[in-house]
PDB file of N, CA and C in Angstrom:
ATOM      1  N   MET A   1      24.064 -19.521  11.490  1.00  0.00           N
ATOM      2  CA  MET A   1      25.519 -19.938  11.287  1.00  0.00           C
ATOM      3  C   MET A   1      26.031 -20.773  10.225  1.00  0.00           C
ATOM      4  N   LYS A   2      24.883 -21.653   9.436  1.00  0.00           N
ATOM      5  CA  LYS A   2      24.932 -22.406   8.430  1.00  0.00           C
ATOM      6  C   LYS A   2      25.769 -21.233   7.063  1.00  0.00           C
ATOM      7  N   ASN A   3      25.216 -20.600   6.722  1.00  0.00           N
ATOM      8  CA  ASN A   3      25.947 -19.931   5.836  1.00  0.00           C
ATOM      9  C   ASN A   3      27.365 -19.025   6.252  1.00  0.00           C
ATOM     10  N   ASN A   4      28.062 -18.660   7.069  1.00  0.00           N
ATOM     11  CA  ASN A   4      29.367 -18.407   7.293  1.00  0.00           C
ATOM     12  C   ASN A   4      30.275 -19.726   7.351  1.00  0.00           C
ATOM     13  N   ILE A   5      29.680 -21.043   6.946  1.00  0.00           N
ATOM     14  CA  ILE A   5      30.429 -22.740   7.246  1.00  0.00           C
ATOM     15  C   ILE A   5      30.946 -22.830   5.897  1.00  0.00           C
ATOM     16  N   HIS A   6      32.386 -23.071   5.678  1.00  0.00           N
ATOM     17  CA  HIS A   6      33.296 -23.687   4.675  1.00  0.00           C
ATOM     18  C   HIS A   6      33.030 -24.762   4.873  1.00  0.00           C
ATOM     19  N   ILE A   7      32.544 -25.970   4.140  1.00  0.00           N
ATOM     20  CA  ILE A   7      32.793 -27.428   4.062  1.00  0.00           C
ATOM     21  C   ILE A   7      33.969 -27.766   3.428  1.00  0.00           C
ATOM     22  N   LEU A   8      34.964 -28.652   3.628  1.00  0.00           N
ATOM     23  CA  LEU A   8      36.216 -28.938   3.344  1.00  0.00           C
ATOM     24  C   LEU A   8      36.146 -30.402   2.714  1.00  0.00           C
ATOM     25  N   ASP A   9      36.719 -30.354   1.090  1.00  0.00           N
ATOM     26  CA  ASP A   9      37.180 -31.509   0.348  1.00  0.00           C
ATOM     27  C   ASP A   9      38.387 -32.291   1.814  1.00  0.00           C
ATOM     28  N   ALA A  10      38.291 -33.494   1.080  1.00  0.00           N
ATOM     29  CA  ALA A  10      39.251 -34.195   1.801  1.00  0.00           C
ATOM     30  C   ALA A  10      40.851 -33.875   1.537  1.00  0.00           C
ATOM     31  N   ASP A  11      41.208 -33.450   0.210  1.00  0.00           N
ATOM     32  CA  ASP A  11      42.793 -32.409   0.449  1.00  0.00           C
ATOM     33  C   ASP A  11      42.235 -31.153   1.397  1.00  0.00           C
ATOM     34  N   GLU A  12      41.786 -30.759   1.406  1.00  0.00           N
ATOM     35  CA  GLU A  12      41.781 -29.566   2.367  1.00  0.00           C
ATOM     36  C   GLU A  12      41.574 -29.755   3.567  1.00  0.00           C
ATOM     37  N   ILE A  13      41.268 -31.310   4.067  1.00  0.00           N
ATOM     38  CA  ILE A  13      40.996 -31.828   5.135  1.00  0.00           C
ATOM     39  C   ILE A  13      42.969 -32.005   6.324  1.00  0.00           C
ATOM     40  N   TYR A  14      43.286 -32.962   4.527  1.00  0.00           N
ATOM     41  CA  TYR A  14      44.511 -33.296   4.604  1.00  0.00           C
ATOM     42  C   TYR A  14      45.451 -32.027   5.122  1.00  0.00           C
ATOM     43  N   LYS A  15      45.469 -31.543   4.463  1.00  0.00           N
ATOM     44  CA  LYS A  15      46.798 -30.346   4.465  1.00  0.00           C
ATOM     45  C   LYS A  15      46.402 -29.500   6.279  1.00  0.00           C
ATOM     46  N   ARG A  16      45.488 -29.028   6.470  1.00  0.00           N
ATOM     47  CA  ARG A  16      45.183 -29.002   7.376  1.00  0.00           C
ATOM     48  C   ARG A  16      45.200 -30.073   8.783  1.00  0.00           C
ATOM     49  N   LEU A  17      45.320 -30.832   8.670  1.00  0.00           N
ATOM     50  CA  LEU A  17      45.786 -32.369   9.775  1.00  0.00           C
ATOM     51  C   LEU A  17      47.188 -31.628  10.363  1.00  0.00           C
ATOM     52  N   LYS A  18      48.281 -31.293   9.167  1.00  0.00           N
ATOM     53  CA  LYS A  18      49.129 -31.271   9.599  1.00  0.00           C
ATOM     54  C   LYS A  18      49.574 -30.536   9.996  1.00  0.00           C
ATOM     55  N   ASP A  19      49.049 -29.356  11.039  1.00  0.00           N
ATOM     56  CA  ASP A  19      48.847 -28.234  11.574  1.00  0.00           C
ATOM     57  C   ASP A  19      48.441 -28.746  13.080  1.00  0.00           C
ATOM     58  N   LEU A  20      47.724 -30.123  13.260  1.00  0.00           N
ATOM     59  CA  LEU A  20      46.726 -30.550  14.122  1.00  0.00           C
ATOM     60  C   LEU A  20      47.899 -31.840  14.411  1.00  0.00           C
ATOM     61  N   PRO A  21      49.135 -32.259  15.051  1.00  0.00           N
ATOM     62  CA  PRO A  21      49.654 -33.886  15.233  1.00  0.00           C
ATOM     63  C   PRO A  21      48.885 -34.085  15.750  1.00  0.00           C
ATOM     64  N   GLY A  22      48.759 -35.304  15.769  1.00  0.00           N
ATOM     65  CA  GLY A  22      47.533 -36.302  16.464  1.00  0.00           C
ATOM     66  C   GLY A  22      45.986 -36.772  16.271  1.00  0.00           C
ATOM     67  N   TRP A  23      46.219 -35.499  14.804  1.00  0.00           N
ATOM     68  CA  TRP A  23      44.433 -35.655  14.735  1.00  0.00           C
ATOM     69  C   TRP A  23      44.266 -36.128  13.512  1.00  0.00           C
ATOM     70  N   ASN A  24      43.380 -37.250  13.692  1.00  0.00           N
ATOM     71  CA  ASN A  24      42.953 -38.146  12.394  1.00  0.00           C
ATOM     72  C   ASN A  24      41.840 -37.839  11.608  1.00  0.00           C
ATOM     73  N   TYR A  25      41.698 -37.777  10.492  1.00  0.00           N
ATOM     74  CA  TYR A  25      40.168 -38.036   9.546  1.00  0.00           C
ATOM     75  C   TYR A  25      39.886 -39.297   9.309  1.00  0.00           C
ATOM     76  N   LYS A  26      38.643 -39.100   9.393  1.00  0.00           N
ATOM     77  CA  LYS A  26      37.995 -40.686   9.463  1.00  0.00           C
ATOM     78  C   LYS A  26      36.561 -40.887   9.823  1.00  0.00           C
ATOM     79  N   ASP A  27      35.770 -41.227   8.736  1.00  0.00           N
ATOM     80  CA  ASP A  27      34.025 -41.255   8.743  1.00  0.00           C
ATOM     81  C   ASP A  27      33.423 -39.765   8.640  1.00  0.00           C
ATOM     82  N   ASN A  28      34.032 -38.849   7.789  1.00  0.00           N
ATOM     83  CA  ASN A  28      33.406 -37.504   7.847  1.00  0.00           C
ATOM     84  C   ASN A  28      33.346 -36.917   9.253  1.00  0.00           C
ATOM     85  N   LYS A  29      34.774 -37.168   9.677  1.00  0.00           N
ATOM     86  CA  LYS A  29      34.897 -36.328  10.883  1.00  0.00           C
ATOM     87  C   LYS A  29      36.325 -36.090  11.668  1.00  0.00           C
ATOM     88  N   ILE A  30      37.123 -35.414  12.038  1.00  0.00           N
ATOM     89  CA  ILE A  30      38.297 -35.167  12.507  1.00  0.00           C
ATOM     90  C   ILE A  30      37.787 -35.581  13.768  1.00  0.00           C
ATOM     91  N   MET A  31      39.240 -36.413  14.793  1.00  0.00           N
ATOM     92  CA  MET A  31      39.639 -37.161  15.860  1.00  0.00           C
ATOM     93  C   MET A  31      40.665 -36.512  16.477  1.00  0.00           C
ATOM     94  N   LYS A  32      40.609 -37.109  18.006  1.00  0.00           N
ATOM     95  CA  LYS A  32      41.721 -37.160  18.366  1.00  0.00           C
ATOM     96  C   LYS A  32      41.491 -37.556  20.123  1.00  0.00           C
ATOM     97  N   GLU A  33      42.327 -38.287  20.332  1.00  0.00           N
ATOM     98  CA  GLU A  33      42.515 -38.978  22.032  1.00  0.00           C
ATOM     99  C   GLU A  33      43.340 -37.956  22.884  1.00  0.00           C
ATOM    100  N   PHE A  34      42.922 -37.512  23.784  1.00  0.00           N
ATOM    101  CA  PHE A  34      43.494 -36.805  25.182  1.00  0.00           C
ATOM    102  C   PHE A  34      43.656 -37.907  26.043  1.00  0.00           C
ATOM    103  N   LYS A  35      44.936 -37.797  26.938  1.00  0.00           N
ATOM    104  CA  LYS A  35      44.921 -38.790  28.424  1.00  0.00           C
ATOM    105  C   LYS A  35      44.862 -37.955  29.325  1.00  0.00           C
ATOM    106  N   PHE A  36      44.472 -38.085  30.452  1.00  0.00           N
ATOM    107  CA  PHE A  36      44.336 -37.220  32.030  1.00  0.00           C
ATOM    108  C   PHE A  36      44.852 -38.301  32.841  1.00  0.00           C
ATOM    109  N   LYS A  37      45.046 -37.332  33.998  1.00  0.00           N
ATOM    110  CA  LYS A  37      45.415 -38.134  35.645  1.00  0.00           C
ATOM    111  C   LYS A  37      44.525 -39.133  35.582  1.00  0.00           C
ATOM    112  N   ASP A  38      43.144 -38.858  35.696  1.00  0.00           N
ATOM    113  CA  ASP A  38      41.591 -39.437  36.195  1.00  0.00           C
ATOM    114  C   ASP A  38      40.572 -39.247  35.556  1.00  0.00           C
ATOM    115  N   PHE A  39      39.448 -39.341  36.173  1.00  0.00           N
ATOM    116  CA  PHE A  39      38.499 -39.763  35.196  1.00  0.00           C
ATOM    117  C   PHE A  39      37.766 -37.381  36.004  1.00  0.00           C
ATOM    118  N   MET A  40      38.402 -37.036  36.950  1.00  0.00           N
ATOM    119  CA  MET A  40      38.330 -35.939  37.555  1.00  0.00           C
ATOM    120  C   MET A  40      38.828 -34.902  36.674  1.00  0.00           C
ATOM    121  N   ASP A  41      39.824 -34.995  36.264  1.00  0.00           N
ATOM    122  CA  ASP A  41      40.696 -34.099  34.957  1.00  0.00           C
ATOM    123  C   ASP A  41      40.193 -34.732  33.876  1.00  0.00           C
ATOM    124  N   SER A  42      39.570 -35.416  33.694  1.00  0.00           N
ATOM    125  CA  SER A  42      38.966 -35.391  31.943  1.00  0.00           C
ATOM    126  C   SER A  42      37.846 -34.824  32.291  1.00  0.00           C
ATOM    127  N   LEU A  43      36.390 -34.880  33.009  1.00  0.00           N
ATOM    128  CA  LEU A  43      36.087 -33.815  33.155  1.00  0.00           C
ATOM    129  C   LEU A  43      36.003 -32.397  33.570  1.00  0.00           C
ATOM    130  N   LYS A  44      36.899 -32.118  34.003  1.00  0.00           N
ATOM    131  CA  LYS A  44      37.379 -30.772  34.419  1.00  0.00           C
ATOM    132  C   LYS A  44      37.904 -29.893  33.043  1.00  0.00           C
ATOM    133  N   PHE A  45      38.356 -30.866  32.159  1.00  0.00           N
ATOM    134  CA  PHE A  45      38.864 -30.437  31.011  1.00  0.00           C
ATOM    135  C   PHE A  45      37.576 -30.229  29.853  1.00  0.00           C
ATOM    136  N   ILE A  46      36.506 -31.067  30.028  1.00  0.00           N
ATOM    137  CA  ILE A  46      35.882 -31.239  29.182  1.00  0.00           C
ATOM    138  C   ILE A  46      34.895 -29.343  29.705  1.00  0.00           C
ATOM    139  N   VAL A  47      34.927 -29.524  30.624  1.00  0.00           N
ATOM    140  CA  VAL A  47      33.872 -28.114  31.780  1.00  0.00           C
ATOM    141  C   VAL A  47      34.571 -26.650  30.705  1.00  0.00           C
ATOM    142  N   GLY A  48      36.497 -27.083  31.012  1.00  0.00           N
ATOM    143  CA  GLY A  48      36.603 -26.313  30.373  1.00  0.00           C
ATOM    144  C   GLY A  48      36.987 -25.519  29.018  1.00  0.00           C
ATOM    145  N   LEU A  49      36.268 -26.317  27.967  1.00  0.00           N
ATOM    146  CA  LEU A  49      35.781 -26.498  26.774  1.00  0.00           C
ATOM    147  C   LEU A  49      34.174 -25.960  26.699  1.00  0.00           C
ATOM    148  N   ALA A  50      33.320 -26.270  27.423  1.00  0.00           N
ATOM    149  CA  ALA A  50      31.839 -25.895  27.363  1.00  0.00           C
ATOM    150  C   ALA A  50      31.596 -24.351  26.927  1.00  0.00           C
ATOM    151  N   SER A  51      32.234 -23.898  27.659  1.00  0.00           N
ATOM    152  CA  SER A  51      31.858 -22.397  27.320  1.00  0.00           C
ATOM    153  C   SER A  51      32.285 -22.103  25.421  1.00  0.00           C
ATOM    154  N   ILE A  52      33.602 -22.352  25.633  1.00  0.00           N
ATOM    155  CA  ILE A  52      34.000 -22.402  23.569  1.00  0.00           C
ATOM    156  C   ILE A  52      32.856 -23.047  22.964  1.00  0.00           C
ATOM    157  N   PHE A  53      32.778 -24.174  23.099  1.00  0.00           N
ATOM    158  CA  PHE A  53      31.688 -25.014  22.275  1.00  0.00           C
ATOM    159  C   PHE A  53      30.131 -24.273  22.198  1.00  0.00           C
ATOM    160  N   GLU A  54      29.866 -23.402  23.176  1.00  0.00           N
ATOM    161  CA  GLU A  54      28.722 -22.786  23.003  1.00  0.00           C
ATOM    162  C   GLU A  54      28.615 -21.705  22.693  1.00  0.00           C
ATOM    163  N   MET A  55      29.625 -20.887  22.511  1.00  0.00           N
ATOM    164  CA  MET A  55      29.683 -19.640  22.005  1.00  0.00           C
ATOM    165  C   MET A  55      30.086 -19.781  20.424  1.00  0.00           C
ATOM    166  N   LYS A  56      30.934 -20.726  20.055  1.00  0.00           N
ATOM    167  CA  LYS A  56      30.954 -21.043  18.635  1.00  0.00           C
ATOM    168  C   LYS A  56      29.960 -21.920  18.047  1.00  0.00           C
ATOM    169  N   ASP A  57      28.861 -22.200  18.660  1.00  0.00           N
ATOM    170  CA  ASP A  57      27.510 -22.722  18.428  1.00  0.00           C
ATOM    171  C   ASP A  57      28.200 -24.460  17.638  1.00  0.00           C
ATOM    172  N   HIS A  58      29.401 -24.679  18.424  1.00  0.00           N
ATOM    173  CA  HIS A  58      29.830 -26.160  17.870  1.00  0.00           C
ATOM    174  C   HIS A  58      29.756 -26.973  19.155  1.00  0.00           C
ATOM    175  N   HIS A  59      29.126 -28.403  18.993  1.00  0.00           N
ATOM    176  CA  HIS A  59      28.780 -29.343  20.032  1.00  0.00           C
ATOM    177  C   HIS A  59      29.665 -30.398  19.582  1.00  0.00           C
ATOM    178  N   PRO A  60      31.183 -31.111  19.729  1.00  0.00           N
ATOM    179  CA  PRO A  60      31.423 -31.918  19.379  1.00  0.00           C
ATOM    180  C   PRO A  60      30.795 -33.234  20.119  1.00  0.00           C
ATOM    181  N   ASN A  61      30.898 -34.670  19.692  1.00  0.00           N
ATOM    182  CA  ASN A  61      30.768 -35.620  20.081  1.00  0.00           C
ATOM    183  C   ASN A  61      32.312 -35.774  21.173  1.00  0.00           C
ATOM    184  N   ILE A  62      31.662 -36.043  21.855  1.00  0.00           N
ATOM    185  CA  ILE A  62      32.528 -36.253  22.917  1.00  0.00           C
ATOM    186  C   ILE A  62      32.807 -38.165  24.276  1.00  0.00           C
ATOM    187  N   HIS A  63      33.348 -38.445  23.899  1.00  0.00           N
ATOM    188  CA  HIS A  63      33.658 -39.748  24.309  1.00  0.00           C
ATOM    189  C   HIS A  63      34.381 -39.722  25.889  1.00  0.00           C
ATOM    190  N   ILE A  64      34.111 -40.316  26.883  1.00  0.00           N
ATOM    191  CA  ILE A  64      34.702 -40.098  28.245  1.00  0.00           C
ATOM    192  C   ILE A  64      34.740 -41.535  28.402  1.00  0.00           C
ATOM    193  N   PHE A  65      36.268 -42.003  28.481  1.00  0.00           N
ATOM    194  CA  PHE A  65      36.589 -43.312  28.839  1.00  0.00           C
ATOM    195  C   PHE A  65      37.640 -43.328  29.869  1.00  0.00           C
ATOM    196  N   TYR A  66      36.789 -42.962  31.586  1.00  0.00           N
ATOM    197  CA  TYR A  66      37.883 -42.864  32.708  1.00  0.00           C
ATOM    198  C   TYR A  66      38.644 -41.302  32.226  1.00  0.00           C
ATOM    199  N   SER A  67      40.012 -41.642  32.268  1.00  0.00           N
ATOM    200  CA  SER A  67      40.878 -40.689  32.115  1.00  0.00           C
ATOM    201  C   SER A  67      41.888 -40.684  30.506  1.00  0.00           C
ATOM    202  N   LYS A  68      40.760 -41.153  29.676  1.00  0.00           N
ATOM    203  CA  LYS A  68      40.675 -40.496  28.497  1.00  0.00           C
ATOM    204  C   LYS A  68      39.345 -40.289  27.642  1.00  0.00           C
ATOM    205  N   VAL A  69      40.227 -39.105  26.565  1.00  0.00           N
ATOM    206  CA  VAL A  69      38.442 -38.059  26.014  1.00  0.00           C
ATOM    207  C   VAL A  69      39.086 -38.121  24.706  1.00  0.00           C
ATOM    208  N   ILE A  70      38.527 -38.881  23.846  1.00  0.00           N
ATOM    209  CA  ILE A  70      38.323 -38.591  22.395  1.00  0.00           C
ATOM    210  C   ILE A  70      36.896 -37.628  21.915  1.00  0.00           C
ATOM    211  N   PHE A  71      37.469 -36.578  21.002  1.00  0.00           N
ATOM    212  CA  PHE A  71      36.863 -35.558  20.471  1.00  0.00           C
ATOM    213  C   PHE A  71      36.299 -36.354  18.770  1.00  0.00           C
ATOM    214  N   GLU A  72      35.113 -35.962  18.283  1.00  0.00           N
ATOM    215  CA  GLU A  72      35.128 -36.165  17.392  1.00  0.00           C
ATOM    216  C   GLU A  72      34.321 -34.825  16.593  1.00  0.00           C
ATOM    217  N   LEU A  73      35.080 -34.073  15.753  1.00  0.00           N
ATOM    218  CA  LEU A  73      34.286 -33.183  15.210  1.00  0.00           C
ATOM    219  C   LEU A  73      33.886 -32.983  13.408  1.00  0.00           C
ATOM    220  N   GLN A  74      32.456 -32.734  13.639  1.00  0.00           N
ATOM    221  CA  GLN A  74      31.944 -32.614  11.923  1.00  0.00           C
ATOM    222  C   GLN A  74      30.665 -31.877  12.230  1.00  0.00           C
ATOM    223  N   ARG A  75      30.283 -31.194  11.271  1.00  0.00           N
ATOM    224  CA  ARG A  75      28.970 -30.321  11.283  1.00  0.00           C
ATOM    225  C   ARG A  75      27.498 -30.945  11.189  1.00  0.00           C
ATOM    226  N   PHE A  76      26.545 -31.284  12.227  1.00  0.00           N
ATOM    227  CA  PHE A  76      25.410 -32.211  11.632  1.00  0.00           C
ATOM    228  C   PHE A  76      24.541 -31.250  10.626  1.00  0.00           C
ATOM    229  N   ASP A  77      24.639 -29.832  10.690  1.00  0.00           N
ATOM    230  CA  ASP A  77      23.502 -28.903  10.274  1.00  0.00           C
ATOM    231  C   ASP A  77      24.071 -28.639   8.563  1.00  0.00           C
ATOM    232  N   VAL A  78      25.431 -29.428   8.273  1.00  0.00           N
ATOM    233  CA  VAL A  78      25.487 -29.225   7.036  1.00  0.00           C
ATOM    234  C   VAL A  78      25.855 -30.765   6.500  1.00  0.00           C
ATOM    235  N   GLY A  79      25.090 -31.327   7.201  1.00  0.00           N
ATOM    236  CA  GLY A  79      25.125 -32.865   6.695  1.00  0.00           C
ATOM    237  C   GLY A  79      26.063 -33.374   6.840  1.00  0.00           C
ATOM    238  N   GLY A  80      26.587 -33.731   8.007  1.00  0.00           N
ATOM    239  CA  GLY A  80      27.629 -34.266   8.765  1.00  0.00           C
ATOM    240  C   GLY A  80      28.946 -34.058   8.134  1.00  0.00           C
ATOM    241  N   LYS A  81      29.206 -32.834   7.455  1.00  0.00           N
ATOM    242  CA  LYS A  81      30.704 -32.811   6.920  1.00  0.00           C
ATOM    243  C   LYS A  81      31.659 -32.055   8.178  1.00  0.00           C
ATOM    244  N   VAL A  82      33.265 -32.126   7.354  1.00  0.00           N
ATOM    245  CA  VAL A  82      34.255 -31.659   7.907  1.00  0.00           C
ATOM    246  C   VAL A  82      34.111 -29.921   7.659  1.00  0.00           C
ATOM    247  N   THR A  83      34.433 -29.598   8.220  1.00  0.00           N
ATOM    248  CA  THR A  83      33.779 -28.086   7.884  1.00  0.00           C
ATOM    249  C   THR A  83      35.227 -27.207   8.767  1.00  0.00           C
ATOM    250  N   ASP A  84      35.851 -25.448   8.133  1.00  0.00           N
ATOM    251  CA  ASP A  84      36.459 -24.393   8.887  1.00  0.00           C
ATOM    252  C   ASP A  84      36.303 -24.502  10.244  1.00  0.00           C
ATOM    253  N   LEU A  85      35.276 -24.666  10.405  1.00  0.00           N
ATOM    254  CA  LEU A  85      34.537 -24.409  12.065  1.00  0.00           C
ATOM    255  C   LEU A  85      35.429 -25.633  12.995  1.00  0.00           C
ATOM    256  N   ASP A  86      35.096 -26.678  12.099  1.00  0.00           N
ATOM    257  CA  ASP A  86      35.886 -28.282  13.084  1.00  0.00           C
ATOM    258  C   ASP A  86      37.115 -27.799  13.228  1.00  0.00           C
ATOM    259  N   PHE A  87      38.298 -27.308  12.421  1.00  0.00           N
ATOM    260  CA  PHE A  87      39.609 -26.828  12.561  1.00  0.00           C
ATOM    261  C   PHE A  87      39.596 -25.913  13.838  1.00  0.00           C
ATOM    262  N   LEU A  88      38.662 -24.668  13.712  1.00  0.00           N
ATOM    263  CA  LEU A  88      38.948 -23.634  14.713  1.00  0.00           C
ATOM    264  C   LEU A  88      39.250 -24.624  16.321  1.00  0.00           C
ATOM    265  N   ILE A  89      37.664 -25.144  16.774  1.00  0.00           N
ATOM    266  CA  ILE A  89      37.467 -25.850  17.359  1.00  0.00           C
ATOM    267  C   ILE A  89      38.217 -27.248  17.838  1.00  0.00           C
ATOM    268  N   ALA A  90      39.120 -27.434  16.904  1.00  0.00           N
ATOM    269  CA  ALA A  90      40.181 -28.453  17.706  1.00  0.00           C
ATOM    270  C   ALA A  90      41.472 -27.579  17.510  1.00  0.00           C
ATOM    271  N   SER A  91      41.979 -26.302  17.143  1.00  0.00           N
ATOM    272  CA  SER A  91      42.413 -25.363  17.354  1.00  0.00           C
ATOM    273  C   SER A  91      42.411 -24.675  19.211  1.00  0.00           C
ATOM    274  N   GLU A  92      41.263 -24.693  19.418  1.00  0.00           N
ATOM    275  CA  GLU A  92      40.952 -24.613  20.531  1.00  0.00           C
ATOM    276  C   GLU A  92      41.197 -25.792  21.476  1.00  0.00           C
ATOM    277  N   ILE A  93      40.817 -26.385  21.320  1.00  0.00           N
ATOM    278  CA  ILE A  93      40.860 -27.874  22.132  1.00  0.00           C
ATOM    279  C   ILE A  93      42.671 -27.852  22.485  1.00  0.00           C
ATOM    280  N   GLU A  94      43.564 -28.486  21.533  1.00  0.00           N
ATOM    281  CA  GLU A  94      44.377 -28.477  21.502  1.00  0.00           C
ATOM    282  C   GLU A  94      45.439 -26.582  22.467  1.00  0.00           C
ATOM    283  N   LYS A  95      44.672 -25.605  21.966  1.00  0.00           N
ATOM    284  CA  LYS A  95      45.400 -25.054  23.114  1.00  0.00           C
ATOM    285  C   LYS A  95      45.393 -25.366  24.790  1.00  0.00           C
ATOM    286  N   LEU A  96      43.970 -25.292  24.800  1.00  0.00           N
ATOM    287  CA  LEU A  96      43.808 -25.764  26.459  1.00  0.00           C
ATOM    288  C   LEU A  96      44.183 -26.525  27.085  1.00  0.00           C
ATOM    289  N   TYR A  97      44.419 -27.910  25.902  1.00  0.00           N
ATOM    290  CA  TYR A  97      45.125 -28.970  26.295  1.00  0.00           C
ATOM    291  C   TYR A  97      46.500 -28.465  26.948  1.00  0.00           C
ATOM    292  N   LYS A  98      47.439 -27.670  26.149  1.00  0.00           N
ATOM    293  CA  LYS A  98      48.606 -27.261  26.313  1.00  0.00           C
ATOM    294  C   LYS A  98      48.429 -26.864  27.483  1.00  0.00           C
ATOM    295  N   GLU A  99      47.747 -25.569  28.085  1.00  0.00           N
ATOM    296  CA  GLU A  99      47.723 -25.032  28.954  1.00  0.00           C
ATOM    297  C   GLU A  99      47.621 -25.891  30.292  1.00  0.00           C
ATOM    298  N   TYR A 100      46.647 -27.108  30.000  1.00  0.00           N
ATOM    299  CA  TYR A 100      46.076 -27.875  31.094  1.00  0.00           C
ATOM    300  C   TYR A 100      46.989 -29.028  31.825  1.00  0.00           C
ATOM    301  N   SER A 101      47.877 -29.382  30.802  1.00  0.00           N
ATOM    302  CA  SER A 101      48.462 -30.212  31.130  1.00  0.00           C
ATOM    303  C   SER A 101      50.139 -29.756  31.603  1.00  0.00           C
ATOM    304  N   SER A 102      50.278 -28.465  31.143  1.00  0.00           N
ATOM    305  CA  SER A 102      51.486 -27.502  32.260  1.00  0.00           C
ATOM    306  C   SER A 102      51.388 -27.829  33.669  1.00  0.00           C
ATOM    307  N   TYR A 103      50.318 -28.034  33.686  1.00  0.00           N
ATOM    308  CA  TYR A 103      50.151 -28.109  35.682  1.00  0.00           C
ATOM    309  C   TYR A 103      50.672 -28.879  36.369  1.00  0.00           C
TER     310      TYR A 103
END
């Protein structure tokens, strides 16, 4: 997987973040906080993403604070850098969140 990954520099990252409102770049990772009704909704959302993470071989850091979930994305296999795959995963998270929050 490593050979197909493009490491992004800070300029590329900030440019791509414009398409992902609410996402931030800090400490060599992109991150965003998502809010839910309660703890069970938080967990259901994460479980809904698990197969995508596994299929793309990308396993983000996930912090769960009852009804709040924070995702931190970076690739550890390329030295903890932000890559094009991080933005693909961020887009998948956003897509599911829009679907999920419409219920």
